[in-house]
Amino acid sequence: MPSPRTALILRGILALVLGVVAVAWPGITVGAFVILFAVYAFLAGVMEAGHAFRSTGGLAVAGRLLLALVDVAAGVVALAWPGITALVLVWWVAAWAFAAGVAELVAAFGAGRAAGERALYGLTGLISLALGVVLAIRPDLGAVSLATLWGLFSIVSGVTSLVLAANLARAREAFALPA
């Protein structure tokens, strides 16, 4: 089992590499997301089929087998039509952003909040609504933009992990803690 410092270093390096790849080739990253979704759907289908054969009731078996077929069908559709799958992914994110924006705006006008807190909720809600609208209007650019943003996030996350690992090493030296 690696030490916490080693784990942070490995996580940081992996996040940096994935982030750079995502920023450099966002189209390939979107394709990889689609393939990962397809693999997930196939695995979920296999798991549901396994649960079906361990079930005792006829209705439970039929329901789980139907769910397994839906999962496998989703995986096949993702591989057969990756563009449509990426488009649906962007629409899901757009719907989530829109719903989150509405919730944030409702929270902004809720009772019992300080003015600064209400302003932050309102600003976050407006930004989230704008993201949802933009993604819904231009989902083609949305998929590439989401891949690029994920890449940038991964780069920041990787740098953060590496800084934490360095700080952990310094803290161990300063306090003479075991590795």
N, C-alpha and C. Protein backbone atom coordinates (compact mmCIF):
# COMPACT_ATOMS: atom_id res chain seq x y z
N MET A 1 0.85 -1.18 0.00
CA MET A 1 0.00 0.00 0.00
C MET A 1 0.89 1.24 0.00
N PRO A 2 0.70 2.13 -0.96
CA PRO A 2 1.56 3.32 -1.02
C PRO A 2 1.25 4.28 0.12
N SER A 3 2.24 5.06 0.48
CA SER A 3 2.06 6.07 1.52
C SER A 3 1.12 7.16 1.00
N PRO A 4 0.54 7.94 1.91
CA PRO A 4 -0.33 9.04 1.44
C PRO A 4 0.39 10.00 0.50
N ARG A 5 1.67 10.25 0.78
CA ARG A 5 2.44 11.15 -0.08
C ARG A 5 2.61 10.57 -1.47
N THR A 6 2.95 9.28 -1.54
CA THR A 6 3.11 8.61 -2.83
C THR A 6 1.78 8.61 -3.60
N ALA A 7 0.69 8.34 -2.88
CA ALA A 7 -0.62 8.34 -3.52
C ALA A 7 -0.95 9.72 -4.09
N LEU A 8 -0.64 10.78 -3.34
CA LEU A 8 -0.88 12.14 -3.84
C LEU A 8 -0.03 12.43 -5.07
N ILE A 9 1.21 11.99 -5.06
CA ILE A 9 2.09 12.23 -6.20
C ILE A 9 1.56 11.49 -7.43
N LEU A 10 1.21 10.22 -7.27
CA LEU A 10 0.68 9.45 -8.41
C LEU A 10 -0.62 10.05 -8.93
N ARG A 11 -1.50 10.45 -8.01
CA ARG A 11 -2.76 11.08 -8.42
C ARG A 11 -2.50 12.38 -9.15
N GLY A 12 -1.57 13.16 -8.64
CA GLY A 12 -1.25 14.43 -9.27
C GLY A 12 -0.69 14.26 -10.67
N ILE A 13 0.22 13.30 -10.83
CA ILE A 13 0.81 13.06 -12.16
C ILE A 13 -0.25 12.57 -13.13
N LEU A 14 -1.09 11.63 -12.69
CA LEU A 14 -2.15 11.12 -13.55
C LEU A 14 -3.12 12.23 -13.95
N ALA A 15 -3.51 13.06 -13.00
CA ALA A 15 -4.43 14.16 -13.30
C ALA A 15 -3.80 15.15 -14.28
N LEU A 16 -2.52 15.44 -14.09
CA LEU A 16 -1.84 16.35 -15.02
C LEU A 16 -1.80 15.78 -16.43
N VAL A 17 -1.44 14.51 -16.56
CA VAL A 17 -1.36 13.89 -17.88
C VAL A 17 -2.73 13.88 -18.55
N LEU A 18 -3.75 13.43 -17.81
CA LEU A 18 -5.10 13.40 -18.38
C LEU A 18 -5.59 14.80 -18.73
N GLY A 19 -5.27 15.77 -17.89
CA GLY A 19 -5.68 17.14 -18.16
C GLY A 19 -5.04 17.71 -19.41
N VAL A 20 -3.76 17.47 -19.57
CA VAL A 20 -3.06 17.97 -20.76
C VAL A 20 -3.62 17.30 -22.01
N VAL A 21 -3.86 16.00 -21.95
CA VAL A 21 -4.44 15.29 -23.10
C VAL A 21 -5.82 15.86 -23.42
N ALA A 22 -6.64 16.08 -22.39
CA ALA A 22 -8.00 16.60 -22.63
C ALA A 22 -7.98 18.00 -23.23
N VAL A 23 -7.06 18.84 -22.79
CA VAL A 23 -6.97 20.19 -23.34
C VAL A 23 -6.40 20.17 -24.76
N ALA A 24 -5.41 19.31 -24.98
CA ALA A 24 -4.79 19.24 -26.30
C ALA A 24 -5.71 18.59 -27.34
N TRP A 25 -6.46 17.58 -26.94
CA TRP A 25 -7.33 16.84 -27.86
C TRP A 25 -8.72 16.66 -27.27
N PRO A 26 -9.51 17.74 -27.17
CA PRO A 26 -10.83 17.60 -26.54
C PRO A 26 -11.78 16.69 -27.31
N GLY A 27 -11.65 16.63 -28.62
CA GLY A 27 -12.51 15.74 -29.40
C GLY A 27 -12.27 14.28 -29.07
N ILE A 28 -11.00 13.93 -28.93
CA ILE A 28 -10.65 12.56 -28.55
C ILE A 28 -11.15 12.27 -27.13
N THR A 29 -11.08 13.27 -26.26
CA THR A 29 -11.55 13.11 -24.89
C THR A 29 -13.05 12.83 -24.87
N VAL A 30 -13.81 13.54 -25.68
CA VAL A 30 -15.26 13.29 -25.76
C VAL A 30 -15.50 11.85 -26.23
N GLY A 31 -14.74 11.42 -27.24
CA GLY A 31 -14.86 10.04 -27.71
C GLY A 31 -14.53 9.03 -26.62
N ALA A 32 -13.52 9.33 -25.81
CA ALA A 32 -13.16 8.44 -24.71
C ALA A 32 -14.27 8.38 -23.67
N PHE A 33 -14.90 9.53 -23.39
CA PHE A 33 -16.03 9.54 -22.45
C PHE A 33 -17.16 8.65 -22.96
N VAL A 34 -17.44 8.72 -24.24
CA VAL A 34 -18.49 7.90 -24.83
C VAL A 34 -18.15 6.42 -24.70
N ILE A 35 -16.90 6.08 -24.98
CA ILE A 35 -16.48 4.67 -24.86
C ILE A 35 -16.56 4.21 -23.40
N LEU A 36 -16.14 5.07 -22.47
CA LEU A 36 -16.24 4.70 -21.06
C LEU A 36 -17.69 4.50 -20.65
N PHE A 37 -18.59 5.34 -21.17
CA PHE A 37 -20.00 5.15 -20.87
C PHE A 37 -20.49 3.82 -21.42
N ALA A 38 -20.08 3.46 -22.63
CA ALA A 38 -20.50 2.19 -23.22
C ALA A 38 -19.99 1.02 -22.39
N VAL A 39 -18.75 1.07 -21.97
CA VAL A 39 -18.18 0.00 -21.14
C VAL A 39 -18.97 -0.10 -19.83
N TYR A 40 -19.26 1.06 -19.22
CA TYR A 40 -20.06 1.07 -18.00
C TYR A 40 -21.43 0.43 -18.23
N ALA A 41 -22.07 0.78 -19.33
CA ALA A 41 -23.39 0.23 -19.62
C ALA A 41 -23.33 -1.28 -19.81
N PHE A 42 -22.31 -1.77 -20.50
CA PHE A 42 -22.17 -3.22 -20.67
C PHE A 42 -21.95 -3.91 -19.32
N LEU A 43 -21.09 -3.35 -18.49
CA LEU A 43 -20.84 -3.93 -17.17
C LEU A 43 -22.09 -3.90 -16.30
N ALA A 44 -22.83 -2.81 -16.38
CA ALA A 44 -24.08 -2.74 -15.62
C ALA A 44 -25.06 -3.81 -16.10
N GLY A 45 -25.10 -4.05 -17.40
CA GLY A 45 -25.97 -5.09 -17.94
C GLY A 45 -25.58 -6.47 -17.44
N VAL A 46 -24.29 -6.74 -17.41
CA VAL A 46 -23.81 -8.03 -16.91
C VAL A 46 -24.17 -8.19 -15.43
N MET A 47 -23.99 -7.13 -14.66
CA MET A 47 -24.33 -7.17 -13.23
C MET A 47 -25.83 -7.42 -13.02
N GLU A 48 -26.66 -6.73 -13.80
CA GLU A 48 -28.10 -6.92 -13.67
C GLU A 48 -28.50 -8.35 -14.04
N ALA A 49 -27.88 -8.89 -15.08
CA ALA A 49 -28.17 -10.28 -15.47
C ALA A 49 -27.76 -11.23 -14.35
N GLY A 50 -26.62 -10.97 -13.73
CA GLY A 50 -26.19 -11.78 -12.60
C GLY A 50 -27.17 -11.72 -11.45
N HIS A 51 -27.67 -10.52 -11.16
CA HIS A 51 -28.68 -10.37 -10.10
C HIS A 51 -29.96 -11.10 -10.48
N ALA A 52 -30.31 -11.08 -11.74
CA ALA A 52 -31.54 -11.74 -12.19
C ALA A 52 -31.48 -13.24 -11.92
N PHE A 53 -30.34 -13.84 -12.19
CA PHE A 53 -30.23 -15.28 -12.01
C PHE A 53 -30.09 -15.68 -10.54
N ARG A 54 -29.86 -14.71 -9.66
CA ARG A 54 -29.83 -14.99 -8.23
C ARG A 54 -31.17 -14.66 -7.57
N SER A 55 -32.07 -14.01 -8.30
CA SER A 55 -33.37 -13.64 -7.74
C SER A 55 -34.26 -14.87 -7.64
N THR A 56 -35.21 -14.79 -6.71
CA THR A 56 -36.10 -15.94 -6.49
C THR A 56 -37.46 -15.74 -7.13
N GLY A 57 -37.95 -14.52 -7.21
CA GLY A 57 -39.28 -14.28 -7.77
C GLY A 57 -39.24 -14.10 -9.27
N GLY A 58 -40.27 -14.58 -9.93
CA GLY A 58 -40.33 -14.48 -11.39
C GLY A 58 -40.37 -13.05 -11.88
N LEU A 59 -41.10 -12.19 -11.17
CA LEU A 59 -41.19 -10.78 -11.58
C LEU A 59 -39.84 -10.09 -11.41
N ALA A 60 -39.13 -10.42 -10.33
CA ALA A 60 -37.80 -9.82 -10.11
C ALA A 60 -36.83 -10.25 -11.20
N VAL A 61 -36.89 -11.52 -11.60
CA VAL A 61 -36.01 -12.02 -12.66
C VAL A 61 -36.31 -11.29 -13.96
N ALA A 62 -37.58 -11.19 -14.30
CA ALA A 62 -37.97 -10.53 -15.55
C ALA A 62 -37.57 -9.06 -15.54
N GLY A 63 -37.77 -8.37 -14.42
CA GLY A 63 -37.41 -6.96 -14.32
C GLY A 63 -35.92 -6.73 -14.45
N ARG A 64 -35.14 -7.57 -13.79
CA ARG A 64 -33.69 -7.42 -13.87
C ARG A 64 -33.16 -7.77 -15.25
N LEU A 65 -33.73 -8.79 -15.89
CA LEU A 65 -33.31 -9.12 -17.25
C LEU A 65 -33.66 -8.00 -18.22
N LEU A 66 -34.82 -7.39 -18.03
CA LEU A 66 -35.19 -6.24 -18.87
C LEU A 66 -34.22 -5.09 -18.67
N LEU A 67 -33.87 -4.84 -17.41
CA LEU A 67 -32.91 -3.78 -17.12
C LEU A 67 -31.54 -4.10 -17.74
N ALA A 68 -31.14 -5.36 -17.69
CA ALA A 68 -29.87 -5.78 -18.32
C ALA A 68 -29.91 -5.53 -19.82
N LEU A 69 -31.03 -5.83 -20.47
CA LEU A 69 -31.16 -5.59 -21.91
C LEU A 69 -31.08 -4.09 -22.23
N VAL A 70 -31.72 -3.28 -21.40
CA VAL A 70 -31.67 -1.82 -21.61
C VAL A 70 -30.24 -1.32 -21.46
N ASP A 71 -29.53 -1.83 -20.44
CA ASP A 71 -28.14 -1.41 -20.24
C ASP A 71 -27.27 -1.79 -21.44
N VAL A 72 -27.40 -3.02 -21.91
CA VAL A 72 -26.61 -3.47 -23.06
C VAL A 72 -26.98 -2.67 -24.31
N ALA A 73 -28.28 -2.41 -24.48
CA ALA A 73 -28.72 -1.61 -25.63
C ALA A 73 -28.12 -0.20 -25.57
N ALA A 74 -28.05 0.38 -24.38
CA ALA A 74 -27.44 1.71 -24.23
C ALA A 74 -25.97 1.67 -24.63
N GLY A 75 -25.28 0.61 -24.25
CA GLY A 75 -23.87 0.48 -24.63
C GLY A 75 -23.70 0.34 -26.13
N VAL A 76 -24.57 -0.45 -26.76
CA VAL A 76 -24.51 -0.63 -28.22
C VAL A 76 -24.78 0.70 -28.92
N VAL A 77 -25.81 1.41 -28.46
CA VAL A 77 -26.16 2.70 -29.07
C VAL A 77 -24.99 3.68 -28.92
N ALA A 78 -24.35 3.69 -27.74
CA ALA A 78 -23.22 4.60 -27.51
C ALA A 78 -22.09 4.32 -28.49
N LEU A 79 -21.81 3.04 -28.75
CA LEU A 79 -20.73 2.70 -29.67
C LEU A 79 -21.13 2.89 -31.13
N ALA A 80 -22.40 2.62 -31.43
CA ALA A 80 -22.87 2.75 -32.82
C ALA A 80 -23.02 4.22 -33.22
N TRP A 81 -23.46 5.05 -32.31
CA TRP A 81 -23.70 6.47 -32.59
C TRP A 81 -23.04 7.34 -31.52
N PRO A 82 -21.72 7.43 -31.54
CA PRO A 82 -21.04 8.19 -30.49
C PRO A 82 -21.38 9.68 -30.51
N GLY A 83 -21.65 10.23 -31.69
CA GLY A 83 -22.00 11.65 -31.76
C GLY A 83 -23.29 11.96 -31.04
N ILE A 84 -24.28 11.11 -31.24
CA ILE A 84 -25.57 11.31 -30.56
C ILE A 84 -25.40 11.11 -29.06
N THR A 85 -24.58 10.14 -28.67
CA THR A 85 -24.34 9.90 -27.26
C THR A 85 -23.69 11.12 -26.61
N ALA A 86 -22.70 11.70 -27.27
CA ALA A 86 -22.06 12.91 -26.74
C ALA A 86 -23.05 14.06 -26.65
N LEU A 87 -23.92 14.16 -27.65
CA LEU A 87 -24.94 15.21 -27.65
C LEU A 87 -25.88 15.05 -26.46
N VAL A 88 -26.31 13.82 -26.21
CA VAL A 88 -27.20 13.57 -25.07
C VAL A 88 -26.50 13.89 -23.76
N LEU A 89 -25.21 13.56 -23.67
CA LEU A 89 -24.44 13.90 -22.48
C LEU A 89 -24.46 15.41 -22.24
N VAL A 90 -24.26 16.17 -23.29
CA VAL A 90 -24.27 17.62 -23.15
C VAL A 90 -25.66 18.11 -22.75
N TRP A 91 -26.70 17.51 -23.31
CA TRP A 91 -28.06 17.91 -22.91
C TRP A 91 -28.32 17.60 -21.44
N TRP A 92 -27.80 16.46 -20.95
CA TRP A 92 -27.96 16.14 -19.53
C TRP A 92 -27.26 17.19 -18.67
N VAL A 93 -26.06 17.56 -19.05
CA VAL A 93 -25.33 18.58 -18.29
C VAL A 93 -26.08 19.91 -18.37
N ALA A 94 -26.62 20.24 -19.53
CA ALA A 94 -27.39 21.48 -19.69
C ALA A 94 -28.61 21.47 -18.78
N ALA A 95 -29.32 20.36 -18.74
CA ALA A 95 -30.51 20.24 -17.89
C ALA A 95 -30.12 20.35 -16.42
N TRP A 96 -29.01 19.70 -16.05
CA TRP A 96 -28.54 19.78 -14.68
C TRP A 96 -28.17 21.22 -14.32
N ALA A 97 -27.44 21.90 -15.19
CA ALA A 97 -27.03 23.28 -14.93
C ALA A 97 -28.24 24.19 -14.81
N PHE A 98 -29.23 23.98 -15.67
CA PHE A 98 -30.43 24.80 -15.62
C PHE A 98 -31.18 24.57 -14.31
N ALA A 99 -31.37 23.30 -13.93
CA ALA A 99 -32.08 22.98 -12.69
C ALA A 99 -31.31 23.51 -11.47
N ALA A 100 -30.00 23.36 -11.48
CA ALA A 100 -29.19 23.87 -10.37
C ALA A 100 -29.28 25.39 -10.30
N GLY A 101 -29.30 26.05 -11.45
CA GLY A 101 -29.43 27.50 -11.46
C GLY A 101 -30.75 27.97 -10.87
N VAL A 102 -31.82 27.29 -11.21
CA VAL A 102 -33.13 27.63 -10.64
C VAL A 102 -33.10 27.43 -9.13
N ALA A 103 -32.53 26.31 -8.67
CA ALA A 103 -32.45 26.04 -7.23
C ALA A 103 -31.63 27.11 -6.51
N GLU A 104 -30.54 27.53 -7.12
CA GLU A 104 -29.70 28.57 -6.51
C GLU A 104 -30.45 29.90 -6.43
N LEU A 105 -31.20 30.23 -7.47
CA LEU A 105 -31.97 31.47 -7.44
C LEU A 105 -33.07 31.41 -6.39
N VAL A 106 -33.69 30.27 -6.24
CA VAL A 106 -34.71 30.11 -5.18
C VAL A 106 -34.04 30.29 -3.82
N ALA A 107 -32.86 29.70 -3.64
CA ALA A 107 -32.13 29.85 -2.38
C ALA A 107 -31.74 31.31 -2.14
N ALA A 108 -31.44 32.04 -3.21
CA ALA A 108 -31.04 33.44 -3.07
C ALA A 108 -32.18 34.28 -2.51
N PHE A 109 -33.40 33.92 -2.84
CA PHE A 109 -34.53 34.71 -2.38
C PHE A 109 -35.20 34.09 -1.16
N GLY A 110 -34.58 33.05 -0.60
CA GLY A 110 -35.12 32.41 0.60
C GLY A 110 -34.91 33.28 1.82
N ALA A 111 -35.76 33.08 2.79
CA ALA A 111 -35.68 33.87 4.02
C ALA A 111 -34.53 33.39 4.89
N GLY A 112 -34.03 34.29 5.71
CA GLY A 112 -33.03 33.92 6.70
C GLY A 112 -31.60 33.92 6.20
N ARG A 113 -31.33 34.50 5.08
CA ARG A 113 -29.96 34.54 4.55
C ARG A 113 -29.44 35.98 4.61
N ALA A 114 -28.14 36.10 4.84
CA ALA A 114 -27.50 37.42 4.84
C ALA A 114 -27.42 37.92 3.40
N ALA A 115 -27.29 39.22 3.25
CA ALA A 115 -27.28 39.83 1.91
C ALA A 115 -26.15 39.29 1.05
N GLY A 116 -24.96 39.15 1.61
CA GLY A 116 -23.83 38.63 0.85
C GLY A 116 -24.05 37.20 0.39
N GLU A 117 -24.62 36.41 1.28
CA GLU A 117 -24.91 35.01 0.93
C GLU A 117 -25.97 34.94 -0.17
N ARG A 118 -26.98 35.80 -0.06
CA ARG A 118 -28.03 35.84 -1.09
C ARG A 118 -27.44 36.25 -2.43
N ALA A 119 -26.53 37.21 -2.41
CA ALA A 119 -25.90 37.66 -3.65
C ALA A 119 -25.08 36.53 -4.28
N LEU A 120 -24.35 35.80 -3.47
CA LEU A 120 -23.56 34.68 -4.00
C LEU A 120 -24.46 33.59 -4.59
N TYR A 121 -25.54 33.27 -3.88
CA TYR A 121 -26.48 32.29 -4.43
C TYR A 121 -27.07 32.79 -5.75
N GLY A 122 -27.42 34.06 -5.79
CA GLY A 122 -28.00 34.63 -7.01
C GLY A 122 -27.01 34.61 -8.17
N LEU A 123 -25.78 35.01 -7.90
CA LEU A 123 -24.76 35.01 -8.95
C LEU A 123 -24.48 33.60 -9.45
N THR A 124 -24.34 32.66 -8.52
CA THR A 124 -24.12 31.27 -8.91
C THR A 124 -25.29 30.74 -9.73
N GLY A 125 -26.49 31.09 -9.32
CA GLY A 125 -27.68 30.65 -10.06
C GLY A 125 -27.72 31.21 -11.47
N LEU A 126 -27.39 32.48 -11.62
CA LEU A 126 -27.39 33.08 -12.95
C LEU A 126 -26.32 32.47 -13.85
N ILE A 127 -25.15 32.22 -13.29
CA ILE A 127 -24.08 31.60 -14.08
C ILE A 127 -24.47 30.19 -14.49
N SER A 128 -25.05 29.44 -13.57
CA SER A 128 -25.48 28.08 -13.88
C SER A 128 -26.59 28.08 -14.93
N LEU A 129 -27.54 29.00 -14.81
CA LEU A 129 -28.59 29.12 -15.83
C LEU A 129 -27.99 29.46 -17.19
N ALA A 130 -27.05 30.38 -17.21
CA ALA A 130 -26.40 30.75 -18.47
C ALA A 130 -25.68 29.56 -19.08
N LEU A 131 -24.97 28.78 -18.26
CA LEU A 131 -24.29 27.60 -18.76
C LEU A 131 -25.30 26.62 -19.37
N GLY A 132 -26.40 26.39 -18.68
CA GLY A 132 -27.43 25.49 -19.20
C GLY A 132 -27.99 25.96 -20.52
N VAL A 133 -28.26 27.24 -20.63
CA VAL A 133 -28.82 27.78 -21.87
C VAL A 133 -27.81 27.67 -23.01
N VAL A 134 -26.57 28.06 -22.74
CA VAL A 134 -25.53 28.01 -23.79
C VAL A 134 -25.31 26.57 -24.27
N LEU A 135 -25.23 25.63 -23.33
CA LEU A 135 -25.04 24.23 -23.72
C LEU A 135 -26.23 23.71 -24.52
N ALA A 136 -27.43 24.13 -24.15
CA ALA A 136 -28.62 23.68 -24.88
C ALA A 136 -28.67 24.28 -26.28
N ILE A 137 -28.23 25.53 -26.43
CA ILE A 137 -28.27 26.19 -27.73
C ILE A 137 -27.17 25.65 -28.65
N ARG A 138 -25.97 25.43 -28.11
CA ARG A 138 -24.83 24.96 -28.92
C ARG A 138 -24.22 23.69 -28.33
N PRO A 139 -24.96 22.59 -28.35
CA PRO A 139 -24.41 21.35 -27.75
C PRO A 139 -23.18 20.83 -28.49
N ASP A 140 -23.05 21.16 -29.78
CA ASP A 140 -21.88 20.69 -30.53
C ASP A 140 -20.59 21.28 -29.94
N LEU A 141 -20.63 22.56 -29.63
CA LEU A 141 -19.47 23.18 -28.99
C LEU A 141 -19.41 22.83 -27.51
N GLY A 142 -20.54 22.48 -26.95
CA GLY A 142 -20.60 22.15 -25.53
C GLY A 142 -19.80 20.93 -25.17
N ALA A 143 -19.84 19.90 -26.00
CA ALA A 143 -19.09 18.67 -25.70
C ALA A 143 -17.59 18.95 -25.66
N VAL A 144 -17.10 19.67 -26.66
CA VAL A 144 -15.68 20.00 -26.71
C VAL A 144 -15.32 20.93 -25.56
N SER A 145 -16.19 21.87 -25.26
CA SER A 145 -15.93 22.80 -24.15
C SER A 145 -15.91 22.07 -22.82
N LEU A 146 -16.83 21.12 -22.64
CA LEU A 146 -16.84 20.35 -21.39
C LEU A 146 -15.57 19.53 -21.25
N ALA A 147 -15.11 18.94 -22.34
CA ALA A 147 -13.87 18.16 -22.29
C ALA A 147 -12.68 19.07 -21.95
N THR A 148 -12.65 20.25 -22.53
CA THR A 148 -11.57 21.20 -22.25
C THR A 148 -11.62 21.66 -20.79
N LEU A 149 -12.83 21.98 -20.31
CA LEU A 149 -12.97 22.40 -18.91
C LEU A 149 -12.56 21.28 -17.96
N TRP A 150 -12.95 20.05 -18.29
CA TRP A 150 -12.54 18.91 -17.46
C TRP A 150 -11.02 18.79 -17.46
N GLY A 151 -10.41 19.02 -18.61
CA GLY A 151 -8.96 18.97 -18.70
C GLY A 151 -8.31 20.03 -17.84
N LEU A 152 -8.83 21.25 -17.90
CA LEU A 152 -8.28 22.32 -17.07
C LEU A 152 -8.46 22.01 -15.58
N PHE A 153 -9.63 21.49 -15.23
CA PHE A 153 -9.87 21.08 -13.85
C PHE A 153 -8.87 20.01 -13.43
N SER A 154 -8.62 19.05 -14.30
CA SER A 154 -7.67 17.97 -13.98
C SER A 154 -6.26 18.52 -13.78
N ILE A 155 -5.87 19.49 -14.59
CA ILE A 155 -4.55 20.09 -14.43
C ILE A 155 -4.46 20.78 -13.06
N VAL A 156 -5.47 21.57 -12.71
CA VAL A 156 -5.46 22.26 -11.41
C VAL A 156 -5.47 21.24 -10.27
N SER A 157 -6.27 20.19 -10.42
CA SER A 157 -6.34 19.14 -9.40
C SER A 157 -4.99 18.43 -9.27
N GLY A 158 -4.33 18.17 -10.38
CA GLY A 158 -3.02 17.53 -10.35
C GLY A 158 -1.98 18.38 -9.66
N VAL A 159 -1.96 19.67 -9.99
CA VAL A 159 -1.01 20.58 -9.34
C VAL A 159 -1.29 20.64 -7.84
N THR A 160 -2.56 20.70 -7.48
CA THR A 160 -2.94 20.74 -6.06
C THR A 160 -2.45 19.49 -5.33
N SER A 161 -2.63 18.32 -5.95
CA SER A 161 -2.17 17.07 -5.33
C SER A 161 -0.65 17.07 -5.15
N LEU A 162 0.07 17.56 -6.13
CA LEU A 162 1.53 17.61 -6.03
C LEU A 162 1.98 18.59 -4.95
N VAL A 163 1.31 19.73 -4.84
CA VAL A 163 1.64 20.70 -3.79
C VAL A 163 1.33 20.11 -2.41
N LEU A 164 0.19 19.42 -2.30
CA LEU A 164 -0.14 18.78 -1.02
C LEU A 164 0.90 17.72 -0.65
N ALA A 165 1.36 16.96 -1.63
CA ALA A 165 2.39 15.95 -1.37
C ALA A 165 3.68 16.61 -0.89
N ALA A 166 4.06 17.72 -1.51
CA ALA A 166 5.27 18.44 -1.09
C ALA A 166 5.10 18.99 0.32
N ASN A 167 3.94 19.55 0.60
CA ASN A 167 3.68 20.08 1.94
C ASN A 167 3.66 18.97 2.99
N LEU A 168 3.15 17.82 2.61
CA LEU A 168 3.12 16.68 3.52
C LEU A 168 4.54 16.25 3.87
N ALA A 169 5.41 16.25 2.88
CA ALA A 169 6.81 15.88 3.13
C ALA A 169 7.46 16.90 4.06
N ARG A 170 7.22 18.18 3.83
CA ARG A 170 7.79 19.22 4.69
C ARG A 170 7.25 19.13 6.12
N ALA A 171 5.96 18.84 6.26
CA ALA A 171 5.36 18.72 7.58
C ALA A 171 5.96 17.53 8.34
N ARG A 172 6.19 16.43 7.64
CA ARG A 172 6.80 15.25 8.29
C ARG A 172 8.22 15.58 8.77
N GLU A 173 8.95 16.31 7.95
CA GLU A 173 10.32 16.70 8.35
C GLU A 173 10.29 17.66 9.54
N ALA A 174 9.38 18.62 9.51
CA ALA A 174 9.30 19.62 10.57
C ALA A 174 8.89 19.01 11.90
N PHE A 175 7.99 18.04 11.86
CA PHE A 175 7.49 17.45 13.10
C PHE A 175 8.09 16.06 13.36
N ALA A 176 9.06 15.66 12.56
CA ALA A 176 9.72 14.36 12.69
C ALA A 176 8.71 13.22 12.74
N LEU A 177 7.75 13.27 11.83
CA LEU A 177 6.72 12.21 11.74
C LEU A 177 7.24 11.07 10.90
N PRO A 178 6.78 9.83 11.17
CA PRO A 178 7.21 8.72 10.32
C PRO A 178 6.58 8.79 8.94
N ALA A 179 7.23 8.21 7.96
CA ALA A 179 6.72 8.21 6.59
C ALA A 179 5.63 7.26 6.47
